[in-house]
Amino acid sequence: TCPDYLVADKGYSSRANRALLRRRGISHTIAQPSDQAANRRRKGSAGGRPVGFNKARYARRNVVERSFCQVKQWRGLATRYDKHARNYAGALNLAALLTWLP
């Protein structure tokens, strides 16, 4: 299955990543680093048009980041002490349940 859209931070802002997403038909919201924006503006019309950016969609990325942070509070998950994938998946499920259940 293919996602409807992707939200990523500045670390994933590259022409190659954006081109791959366009080829696959995935709309994306990726923040552009200030040096890339300045370089594009310096080139003028040869620098291309500014990338599309949805501020409301990007703001919701914070919820996912905080969720990962809460799960990584579990030391065994952050360092992956489990040898087998099924044990790690079980620990991940347990951490998620205990974190998000009241």
PDB file of N, CA and C in Angstrom:
ATOM      1  N   THR A   1       0.835  -1.186   0.000  1.00  0.00           N
ATOM      2  CA  THR A   1       0.000   0.000   0.000  1.00  0.00           C
ATOM      3  C   THR A   1       0.877   1.246   0.000  1.00  0.00           C
ATOM      4  N   CYS A   2       0.303   2.305  -0.484  1.00  0.00           N
ATOM      5  CA  CYS A   2       1.044   3.555  -0.633  1.00  0.00           C
ATOM      6  C   CYS A   2       0.394   4.632   0.240  1.00  0.00           C
ATOM      7  N   PRO A   3       1.172   5.384   0.999  1.00  0.00           N
ATOM      8  CA  PRO A   3       0.569   6.430   1.836  1.00  0.00           C
ATOM      9  C   PRO A   3       0.032   7.580   0.989  1.00  0.00           C
ATOM     10  N   ASP A   4      -0.945   8.304   1.534  1.00  0.00           N
ATOM     11  CA  ASP A   4      -1.494   9.471   0.842  1.00  0.00           C
ATOM     12  C   ASP A   4      -0.507  10.632   0.858  1.00  0.00           C
ATOM     13  N   TYR A   5       0.133  10.829   1.991  1.00  0.00           N
ATOM     14  CA  TYR A   5       1.112  11.907   2.085  1.00  0.00           C
ATOM     15  C   TYR A   5       2.177  11.560   3.110  1.00  0.00           C
ATOM     16  N   LEU A   6       3.293  12.275   3.023  1.00  0.00           N
ATOM     17  CA  LEU A   6       4.419  12.053   3.920  1.00  0.00           C
ATOM     18  C   LEU A   6       4.831  13.393   4.519  1.00  0.00           C
ATOM     19  N   VAL A   7       5.098  13.395   5.805  1.00  0.00           N
ATOM     20  CA  VAL A   7       5.593  14.590   6.479  1.00  0.00           C
ATOM     21  C   VAL A   7       6.957  14.241   7.055  1.00  0.00           C
ATOM     22  N   ALA A   8       7.979  15.016   6.708  1.00  0.00           N
ATOM     23  CA  ALA A   8       9.340  14.727   7.171  1.00  0.00           C
ATOM     24  C   ALA A   8      10.031  16.026   7.572  1.00  0.00           C
ATOM     25  N   ASP A   9      11.112  15.899   8.333  1.00  0.00           N
ATOM     26  CA  ASP A   9      11.827  17.097   8.766  1.00  0.00           C
ATOM     27  C   ASP A   9      12.905  17.481   7.753  1.00  0.00           C
ATOM     28  N   LYS A  10      13.672  18.506   8.088  1.00  0.00           N
ATOM     29  CA  LYS A  10      14.643  19.077   7.154  1.00  0.00           C
ATOM     30  C   LYS A  10      15.723  18.100   6.711  1.00  0.00           C
ATOM     31  N   GLY A  11      15.996  17.105   7.506  1.00  0.00           N
ATOM     32  CA  GLY A  11      17.040  16.145   7.170  1.00  0.00           C
ATOM     33  C   GLY A  11      16.737  15.345   5.907  1.00  0.00           C
ATOM     34  N   TYR A  12      15.470  15.267   5.532  1.00  0.00           N
ATOM     35  CA  TYR A  12      15.077  14.492   4.356  1.00  0.00           C
ATOM     36  C   TYR A  12      14.819  15.377   3.143  1.00  0.00           C
ATOM     37  N   SER A  13      15.179  16.639   3.229  1.00  0.00           N
ATOM     38  CA  SER A  13      14.949  17.571   2.137  1.00  0.00           C
ATOM     39  C   SER A  13      16.073  17.451   1.112  1.00  0.00           C
ATOM     40  N   SER A  14      15.807  16.742   0.043  1.00  0.00           N
ATOM     41  CA  SER A  14      16.766  16.649  -1.059  1.00  0.00           C
ATOM     42  C   SER A  14      15.987  16.462  -2.352  1.00  0.00           C
ATOM     43  N   ARG A  15      16.612  16.822  -3.441  1.00  0.00           N
ATOM     44  CA  ARG A  15      15.940  16.655  -4.735  1.00  0.00           C
ATOM     45  C   ARG A  15      15.621  15.198  -5.011  1.00  0.00           C
ATOM     46  N   ALA A  16      16.531  14.315  -4.622  1.00  0.00           N
ATOM     47  CA  ALA A  16      16.321  12.886  -4.876  1.00  0.00           C
ATOM     48  C   ALA A  16      15.100  12.370  -4.115  1.00  0.00           C
ATOM     49  N   ASN A  17      14.969  12.741  -2.845  1.00  0.00           N
ATOM     50  CA  ASN A  17      13.815  12.292  -2.057  1.00  0.00           C
ATOM     51  C   ASN A  17      12.513  12.848  -2.616  1.00  0.00           C
ATOM     52  N   ARG A  18      12.519  14.131  -2.968  1.00  0.00           N
ATOM     53  CA  ARG A  18      11.300  14.743  -3.509  1.00  0.00           C
ATOM     54  C   ARG A  18      10.928  14.127  -4.855  1.00  0.00           C
ATOM     55  N   ALA A  19      11.923  13.849  -5.684  1.00  0.00           N
ATOM     56  CA  ALA A  19      11.649  13.240  -6.989  1.00  0.00           C
ATOM     57  C   ALA A  19      11.075  11.834  -6.827  1.00  0.00           C
ATOM     58  N   LEU A  20      11.616  11.069  -5.895  1.00  0.00           N
ATOM     59  CA  LEU A  20      11.104   9.724  -5.639  1.00  0.00           C
ATOM     60  C   LEU A  20       9.645   9.773  -5.199  1.00  0.00           C
ATOM     61  N   LEU A  21       9.333  10.684  -4.303  1.00  0.00           N
ATOM     62  CA  LEU A  21       7.951  10.809  -3.837  1.00  0.00           C
ATOM     63  C   LEU A  21       7.024  11.243  -4.967  1.00  0.00           C
ATOM     64  N   ARG A  22       7.484  12.164  -5.813  1.00  0.00           N
ATOM     65  CA  ARG A  22       6.668  12.591  -6.952  1.00  0.00           C
ATOM     66  C   ARG A  22       6.415  11.442  -7.912  1.00  0.00           C
ATOM     67  N   ARG A  23       7.453  10.641  -8.187  1.00  0.00           N
ATOM     68  CA  ARG A  23       7.288   9.496  -9.091  1.00  0.00           C
ATOM     69  C   ARG A  23       6.266   8.504  -8.565  1.00  0.00           C
ATOM     70  N   ARG A  24       6.243   8.328  -7.253  1.00  0.00           N
ATOM     71  CA  ARG A  24       5.307   7.374  -6.651  1.00  0.00           C
ATOM     72  C   ARG A  24       3.935   7.980  -6.385  1.00  0.00           C
ATOM     73  N   GLY A  25       3.769   9.257  -6.669  1.00  0.00           N
ATOM     74  CA  GLY A  25       2.478   9.905  -6.494  1.00  0.00           C
ATOM     75  C   GLY A  25       2.126  10.198  -5.049  1.00  0.00           C
ATOM     76  N   ILE A  26       3.134  10.400  -4.205  1.00  0.00           N
ATOM     77  CA  ILE A  26       2.913  10.675  -2.788  1.00  0.00           C
ATOM     78  C   ILE A  26       3.124  12.169  -2.556  1.00  0.00           C
ATOM     79  N   SER A  27       2.077  12.855  -2.093  1.00  0.00           N
ATOM     80  CA  SER A  27       2.270  14.266  -1.770  1.00  0.00           C
ATOM     81  C   SER A  27       3.081  14.353  -0.486  1.00  0.00           C
ATOM     82  N   HIS A  28       3.869  15.401  -0.365  1.00  0.00           N
ATOM     83  CA  HIS A  28       4.774  15.476   0.771  1.00  0.00           C
ATOM     84  C   HIS A  28       4.871  16.889   1.322  1.00  0.00           C
ATOM     85  N   THR A  29       5.190  16.958   2.598  1.00  0.00           N
ATOM     86  CA  THR A  29       5.473  18.208   3.285  1.00  0.00           C
ATOM     87  C   THR A  29       6.813  18.022   3.979  1.00  0.00           C
ATOM     88  N   ILE A  30       7.841  18.598   3.392  1.00  0.00           N
ATOM     89  CA  ILE A  30       9.191  18.490   3.935  1.00  0.00           C
ATOM     90  C   ILE A  30       9.736  19.905   4.090  1.00  0.00           C
ATOM     91  N   ALA A  31      10.149  20.240   5.297  1.00  0.00           N
ATOM     92  CA  ALA A  31      10.707  21.571   5.539  1.00  0.00           C
ATOM     93  C   ALA A  31      12.000  21.737   4.750  1.00  0.00           C
ATOM     94  N   GLN A  32      12.204  22.942   4.246  1.00  0.00           N
ATOM     95  CA  GLN A  32      13.408  23.222   3.466  1.00  0.00           C
ATOM     96  C   GLN A  32      14.415  23.956   4.348  1.00  0.00           C
ATOM     97  N   PRO A  33      15.641  23.454   4.465  1.00  0.00           N
ATOM     98  CA  PRO A  33      16.651  24.148   5.269  1.00  0.00           C
ATOM     99  C   PRO A  33      16.933  25.537   4.711  1.00  0.00           C
ATOM    100  N   SER A  34      17.318  26.439   5.583  1.00  0.00           N
ATOM    101  CA  SER A  34      17.537  27.826   5.169  1.00  0.00           C
ATOM    102  C   SER A  34      18.647  27.946   4.128  1.00  0.00           C
ATOM    103  N   ASP A  35      19.673  27.086   4.209  1.00  0.00           N
ATOM    104  CA  ASP A  35      20.755  27.183   3.222  1.00  0.00           C
ATOM    105  C   ASP A  35      20.274  26.764   1.836  1.00  0.00           C
ATOM    106  N   GLN A  36      19.389  25.775   1.746  1.00  0.00           N
ATOM    107  CA  GLN A  36      18.844  25.372   0.446  1.00  0.00           C
ATOM    108  C   GLN A  36      17.961  26.477  -0.131  1.00  0.00           C
ATOM    109  N   ALA A  37      17.145  27.100   0.716  1.00  0.00           N
ATOM    110  CA  ALA A  37      16.277  28.181   0.253  1.00  0.00           C
ATOM    111  C   ALA A  37      17.111  29.373  -0.214  1.00  0.00           C
ATOM    112  N   ALA A  38      18.155  29.716   0.536  1.00  0.00           N
ATOM    113  CA  ALA A  38      19.015  30.843   0.157  1.00  0.00           C
ATOM    114  C   ALA A  38      19.740  30.548  -1.153  1.00  0.00           C
ATOM    115  N   ASN A  39      20.189  29.319  -1.331  1.00  0.00           N
ATOM    116  CA  ASN A  39      20.880  28.934  -2.557  1.00  0.00           C
ATOM    117  C   ASN A  39      19.936  29.023  -3.753  1.00  0.00           C
ATOM    118  N   ARG A  40      18.682  28.579  -3.564  1.00  0.00           N
ATOM    119  CA  ARG A  40      17.696  28.646  -4.642  1.00  0.00           C
ATOM    120  C   ARG A  40      17.412  30.098  -5.008  1.00  0.00           C
ATOM    121  N   ARG A  41      17.257  30.963  -4.011  1.00  0.00           N
ATOM    122  CA  ARG A  41      16.993  32.384  -4.274  1.00  0.00           C
ATOM    123  C   ARG A  41      18.190  33.054  -4.939  1.00  0.00           C
ATOM    124  N   ARG A  42      19.399  32.655  -4.559  1.00  0.00           N
ATOM    125  CA  ARG A  42      20.605  33.243  -5.141  1.00  0.00           C
ATOM    126  C   ARG A  42      20.697  32.947  -6.634  1.00  0.00           C
ATOM    127  N   LYS A  43      20.231  31.773  -7.031  1.00  0.00           N
ATOM    128  CA  LYS A  43      20.286  31.388  -8.442  1.00  0.00           C
ATOM    129  C   LYS A  43      19.232  32.099  -9.278  1.00  0.00           C
ATOM    130  N   GLY A  44      18.254  32.702  -8.623  1.00  0.00           N
ATOM    131  CA  GLY A  44      17.210  33.406  -9.358  1.00  0.00           C
ATOM    132  C   GLY A  44      16.260  32.429 -10.029  1.00  0.00           C
ATOM    133  N   SER A  45      15.860  32.750 -11.259  1.00  0.00           N
ATOM    134  CA  SER A  45      14.886  31.900 -11.952  1.00  0.00           C
ATOM    135  C   SER A  45      15.465  30.528 -12.288  1.00  0.00           C
ATOM    136  N   ALA A  46      16.785  30.406 -12.353  1.00  0.00           N
ATOM    137  CA  ALA A  46      17.405  29.109 -12.636  1.00  0.00           C
ATOM    138  C   ALA A  46      17.354  28.190 -11.414  1.00  0.00           C
ATOM    139  N   GLY A  47      17.063  28.755 -10.252  1.00  0.00           N
ATOM    140  CA  GLY A  47      17.018  27.959  -9.023  1.00  0.00           C
ATOM    141  C   GLY A  47      15.744  27.155  -8.864  1.00  0.00           C
ATOM    142  N   GLY A  48      14.772  27.406  -9.717  1.00  0.00           N
ATOM    143  CA  GLY A  48      13.512  26.672  -9.625  1.00  0.00           C
ATOM    144  C   GLY A  48      12.528  27.359  -8.701  1.00  0.00           C
ATOM    145  N   ARG A  49      11.340  26.808  -8.663  1.00  0.00           N
ATOM    146  CA  ARG A  49      10.305  27.414  -7.825  1.00  0.00           C
ATOM    147  C   ARG A  49      10.418  26.903  -6.393  1.00  0.00           C
ATOM    148  N   PRO A  50       9.878  27.642  -5.447  1.00  0.00           N
ATOM    149  CA  PRO A  50       9.921  27.188  -4.051  1.00  0.00           C
ATOM    150  C   PRO A  50       9.119  25.902  -3.876  1.00  0.00           C
ATOM    151  N   VAL A  51       9.551  25.074  -2.941  1.00  0.00           N
ATOM    152  CA  VAL A  51       8.839  23.824  -2.693  1.00  0.00           C
ATOM    153  C   VAL A  51       7.541  24.121  -1.963  1.00  0.00           C
ATOM    154  N   GLY A  52       6.523  23.305  -2.220  1.00  0.00           N
ATOM    155  CA  GLY A  52       5.250  23.463  -1.529  1.00  0.00           C
ATOM    156  C   GLY A  52       5.392  23.071  -0.068  1.00  0.00           C
ATOM    157  N   PHE A  53       4.687  23.785   0.795  1.00  0.00           N
ATOM    158  CA  PHE A  53       4.816  23.513   2.226  1.00  0.00           C
ATOM    159  C   PHE A  53       3.484  23.777   2.910  1.00  0.00           C
ATOM    160  N   ASN A  54       2.968  22.767   3.601  1.00  0.00           N
ATOM    161  CA  ASN A  54       1.705  22.872   4.315  1.00  0.00           C
ATOM    162  C   ASN A  54       2.011  23.001   5.810  1.00  0.00           C
ATOM    163  N   LYS A  55       1.881  24.209   6.350  1.00  0.00           N
ATOM    164  CA  LYS A  55       2.253  24.456   7.749  1.00  0.00           C
ATOM    165  C   LYS A  55       1.385  23.673   8.724  1.00  0.00           C
ATOM    166  N   ALA A  56       0.101  23.571   8.444  1.00  0.00           N
ATOM    167  CA  ALA A  56      -0.810  22.864   9.362  1.00  0.00           C
ATOM    168  C   ALA A  56      -0.452  21.383   9.435  1.00  0.00           C
ATOM    169  N   ARG A  57      -0.152  20.800   8.296  1.00  0.00           N
ATOM    170  CA  ARG A  57       0.209  19.374   8.262  1.00  0.00           C
ATOM    171  C   ARG A  57       1.552  19.143   8.952  1.00  0.00           C
ATOM    172  N   TYR A  58       2.493  20.052   8.745  1.00  0.00           N
ATOM    173  CA  TYR A  58       3.817  19.907   9.356  1.00  0.00           C
ATOM    174  C   TYR A  58       3.738  20.047  10.875  1.00  0.00           C
ATOM    175  N   ALA A  59       2.838  20.878  11.362  1.00  0.00           N
ATOM    176  CA  ALA A  59       2.698  21.083  12.805  1.00  0.00           C
ATOM    177  C   ALA A  59       2.232  19.804  13.502  1.00  0.00           C
ATOM    178  N   ARG A  60       1.475  18.966  12.800  1.00  0.00           N
ATOM    179  CA  ARG A  60       0.991  17.720  13.404  1.00  0.00           C
ATOM    180  C   ARG A  60       2.085  16.661  13.511  1.00  0.00           C
ATOM    181  N   ARG A  61       3.218  16.876  12.888  1.00  0.00           N
ATOM    182  CA  ARG A  61       4.333  15.932  12.969  1.00  0.00           C
ATOM    183  C   ARG A  61       4.847  15.823  14.403  1.00  0.00           C
ATOM    184  N   ASN A  62       4.662  16.866  15.167  1.00  0.00           N
ATOM    185  CA  ASN A  62       5.105  16.909  16.551  1.00  0.00           C
ATOM    186  C   ASN A  62       4.465  15.797  17.387  1.00  0.00           C
ATOM    187  N   VAL A  63       3.231  15.445  17.100  1.00  0.00           N
ATOM    188  CA  VAL A  63       2.536  14.393  17.853  1.00  0.00           C
ATOM    189  C   VAL A  63       3.270  13.063  17.694  1.00  0.00           C
ATOM    190  N   VAL A  64       3.688  12.762  16.486  1.00  0.00           N
ATOM    191  CA  VAL A  64       4.406  11.512  16.225  1.00  0.00           C
ATOM    192  C   VAL A  64       5.767  11.529  16.915  1.00  0.00           C
ATOM    193  N   GLU A  65       6.463  12.655  16.841  1.00  0.00           N
ATOM    194  CA  GLU A  65       7.775  12.763  17.481  1.00  0.00           C
ATOM    195  C   GLU A  65       7.675  12.549  18.993  1.00  0.00           C
ATOM    196  N   ARG A  66       6.657  13.128  19.619  1.00  0.00           N
ATOM    197  CA  ARG A  66       6.481  12.955  21.065  1.00  0.00           C
ATOM    198  C   ARG A  66       6.154  11.512  21.409  1.00  0.00           C
ATOM    199  N   SER A  67       5.393  10.838  20.542  1.00  0.00           N
ATOM    200  CA  SER A  67       5.061   9.430  20.789  1.00  0.00           C
ATOM    201  C   SER A  67       6.319   8.571  20.777  1.00  0.00           C
ATOM    202  N   PHE A  68       7.192   8.797  19.805  1.00  0.00           N
ATOM    203  CA  PHE A  68       8.450   8.053  19.761  1.00  0.00           C
ATOM    204  C   PHE A  68       9.279   8.333  21.008  1.00  0.00           C
ATOM    205  N   CYS A  69       9.266   9.578  21.447  1.00  0.00           N
ATOM    206  CA  CYS A  69      10.034   9.954  22.632  1.00  0.00           C
ATOM    207  C   CYS A  69       9.531   9.217  23.868  1.00  0.00           C
ATOM    208  N   GLN A  70       8.224   9.091  24.006  1.00  0.00           N
ATOM    209  CA  GLN A  70       7.662   8.398  25.166  1.00  0.00           C
ATOM    210  C   GLN A  70       8.034   6.925  25.158  1.00  0.00           C
ATOM    211  N   VAL A  71       7.990   6.303  23.996  1.00  0.00           N
ATOM    212  CA  VAL A  71       8.325   4.881  23.908  1.00  0.00           C
ATOM    213  C   VAL A  71       9.817   4.671  24.157  1.00  0.00           C
ATOM    214  N   LYS A  72      10.649   5.614  23.727  1.00  0.00           N
ATOM    215  CA  LYS A  72      12.094   5.467  23.923  1.00  0.00           C
ATOM    216  C   LYS A  72      12.525   5.661  25.372  1.00  0.00           C
ATOM    217  N   GLN A  73      11.593   6.055  26.235  1.00  0.00           N
ATOM    218  CA  GLN A  73      11.898   6.121  27.659  1.00  0.00           C
ATOM    219  C   GLN A  73      12.168   4.722  28.203  1.00  0.00           C
ATOM    220  N   TRP A  74      11.675   3.720  27.520  1.00  0.00           N
ATOM    221  CA  TRP A  74      11.926   2.332  27.891  1.00  0.00           C
ATOM    222  C   TRP A  74      13.327   1.982  27.396  1.00  0.00           C
ATOM    223  N   ARG A  75      14.230   1.763  28.309  1.00  0.00           N
ATOM    224  CA  ARG A  75      15.641   1.568  27.980  1.00  0.00           C
ATOM    225  C   ARG A  75      15.871   0.390  27.036  1.00  0.00           C
ATOM    226  N   GLY A  76      15.169  -0.695  27.261  1.00  0.00           N
ATOM    227  CA  GLY A  76      15.344  -1.881  26.427  1.00  0.00           C
ATOM    228  C   GLY A  76      14.930  -1.656  24.987  1.00  0.00           C
ATOM    229  N   LEU A  77      13.975  -0.757  24.761  1.00  0.00           N
ATOM    230  CA  LEU A  77      13.548  -0.458  23.398  1.00  0.00           C
ATOM    231  C   LEU A  77      14.510   0.510  22.722  1.00  0.00           C
ATOM    232  N   ALA A  78      15.005   1.467  23.476  1.00  0.00           N
ATOM    233  CA  ALA A  78      15.893   2.473  22.897  1.00  0.00           C
ATOM    234  C   ALA A  78      17.207   1.851  22.428  1.00  0.00           C
ATOM    235  N   THR A  79      17.704   0.833  23.156  1.00  0.00           N
ATOM    236  CA  THR A  79      18.986   0.230  22.794  1.00  0.00           C
ATOM    237  C   THR A  79      18.840  -1.126  22.122  1.00  0.00           C
ATOM    238  N   ARG A  80      17.627  -1.632  22.052  1.00  0.00           N
ATOM    239  CA  ARG A  80      17.308  -2.905  21.405  1.00  0.00           C
ATOM    240  C   ARG A  80      18.153  -4.052  21.967  1.00  0.00           C
ATOM    241  N   TYR A  81      17.878  -4.399  23.219  1.00  0.00           N
ATOM    242  CA  TYR A  81      18.569  -5.511  23.861  1.00  0.00           C
ATOM    243  C   TYR A  81      18.059  -6.863  23.388  1.00  0.00           C
ATOM    244  N   ASP A  82      16.838  -6.922  22.872  1.00  0.00           N
ATOM    245  CA  ASP A  82      16.251  -8.201  22.473  1.00  0.00           C
ATOM    246  C   ASP A  82      16.958  -8.769  21.258  1.00  0.00           C
ATOM    247  N   LYS A  83      17.193 -10.064  21.303  1.00  0.00           N
ATOM    248  CA  LYS A  83      17.877 -10.724  20.198  1.00  0.00           C
ATOM    249  C   LYS A  83      16.919 -10.993  19.043  1.00  0.00           C
ATOM    250  N   HIS A  84      15.689 -11.372  19.361  1.00  0.00           N
ATOM    251  CA  HIS A  84      14.724 -11.758  18.327  1.00  0.00           C
ATOM    252  C   HIS A  84      13.713 -10.642  18.069  1.00  0.00           C
ATOM    253  N   ALA A  85      13.302 -10.543  16.826  1.00  0.00           N
ATOM    254  CA  ALA A  85      12.368  -9.487  16.433  1.00  0.00           C
ATOM    255  C   ALA A  85      11.024  -9.635  17.137  1.00  0.00           C
ATOM    256  N   ARG A  86      10.577 -10.865  17.352  1.00  0.00           N
ATOM    257  CA  ARG A  86       9.267 -11.057  17.995  1.00  0.00           C
ATOM    258  C   ARG A  86       9.297 -10.573  19.446  1.00  0.00           C
ATOM    259  N   ASN A  87      10.420 -10.746  20.128  1.00  0.00           N
ATOM    260  CA  ASN A  87      10.536 -10.245  21.502  1.00  0.00           C
ATOM    261  C   ASN A  87      10.537  -8.715  21.526  1.00  0.00           C
ATOM    262  N   TYR A  88      11.229  -8.127  20.568  1.00  0.00           N
ATOM    263  CA  TYR A  88      11.264  -6.666  20.480  1.00  0.00           C
ATOM    264  C   TYR A  88       9.871  -6.118  20.175  1.00  0.00           C
ATOM    265  N   ALA A  89       9.159  -6.771  19.249  1.00  0.00           N
ATOM    266  CA  ALA A  89       7.804  -6.336  18.903  1.00  0.00           C
ATOM    267  C   ALA A  89       6.878  -6.446  20.112  1.00  0.00           C
ATOM    268  N   GLY A  90       7.034  -7.513  20.877  1.00  0.00           N
ATOM    269  CA  GLY A  90       6.222  -7.670  22.082  1.00  0.00           C
ATOM    270  C   GLY A  90       6.503  -6.581  23.105  1.00  0.00           C
ATOM    271  N   ALA A  91       7.774  -6.264  23.301  1.00  0.00           N
ATOM    272  CA  ALA A  91       8.142  -5.199  24.236  1.00  0.00           C
ATOM    273  C   ALA A  91       7.632  -3.845  23.747  1.00  0.00           C
ATOM    274  N   LEU A  92       7.676  -3.633  22.443  1.00  0.00           N
ATOM    275  CA  LEU A  92       7.169  -2.390  21.865  1.00  0.00           C
ATOM    276  C   LEU A  92       5.665  -2.264  22.086  1.00  0.00           C
ATOM    277  N   ASN A  93       4.939  -3.364  21.879  1.00  0.00           N
ATOM    278  CA  ASN A  93       3.493  -3.356  22.114  1.00  0.00           C
ATOM    279  C   ASN A  93       3.180  -3.085  23.584  1.00  0.00           C
ATOM    280  N   LEU A  94       3.922  -3.715  24.472  1.00  0.00           N
ATOM    281  CA  LEU A  94       3.712  -3.513  25.904  1.00  0.00           C
ATOM    282  C   LEU A  94       3.977  -2.056  26.294  1.00  0.00           C
ATOM    283  N   ALA A  95       5.051  -1.499  25.790  1.00  0.00           N
ATOM    284  CA  ALA A  95       5.378  -0.102  26.096  1.00  0.00           C
ATOM    285  C   ALA A  95       4.293   0.835  25.575  1.00  0.00           C
ATOM    286  N   ALA A  96       3.811   0.572  24.364  1.00  0.00           N
ATOM    287  CA  ALA A  96       2.761   1.418  23.794  1.00  0.00           C
ATOM    288  C   ALA A  96       1.481   1.322  24.619  1.00  0.00           C
ATOM    289  N   LEU A  97       1.118   0.110  25.014  1.00  0.00           N
ATOM    290  CA  LEU A  97      -0.091  -0.061  25.827  1.00  0.00           C
ATOM    291  C   LEU A  97       0.017   0.666  27.158  1.00  0.00           C
ATOM    292  N   LEU A  98       1.113   0.485  27.844  1.00  0.00           N
ATOM    293  CA  LEU A  98       1.269   1.109  29.159  1.00  0.00           C
ATOM    294  C   LEU A  98       1.440   2.625  29.073  1.00  0.00           C
ATOM    295  N   THR A  99       1.941   3.100  27.950  1.00  0.00           N
ATOM    296  CA  THR A  99       2.140   4.535  27.786  1.00  0.00           C
ATOM    297  C   THR A  99       0.825   5.245  27.470  1.00  0.00           C
ATOM    298  N   TRP A 100       0.010   4.656  26.583  1.00  0.00           N
ATOM    299  CA  TRP A 100      -1.168   5.367  26.094  1.00  0.00           C
ATOM    300  C   TRP A 100      -2.477   4.973  26.755  1.00  0.00           C
ATOM    301  N   LEU A 101      -2.489   3.913  27.548  1.00  0.00           N
ATOM    302  CA  LEU A 101      -3.704   3.598  28.297  1.00  0.00           C
ATOM    303  C   LEU A 101      -3.722   4.424  29.575  1.00  0.00           C
ATOM    304  N   PRO A 102      -4.882   4.928  29.962  1.00  0.00           N
ATOM    305  CA  PRO A 102      -4.926   5.765  31.179  1.00  0.00           C
ATOM    306  C   PRO A 102      -4.687   4.979  32.444  1.00  0.00           C
TER     307      PRO A 102
END
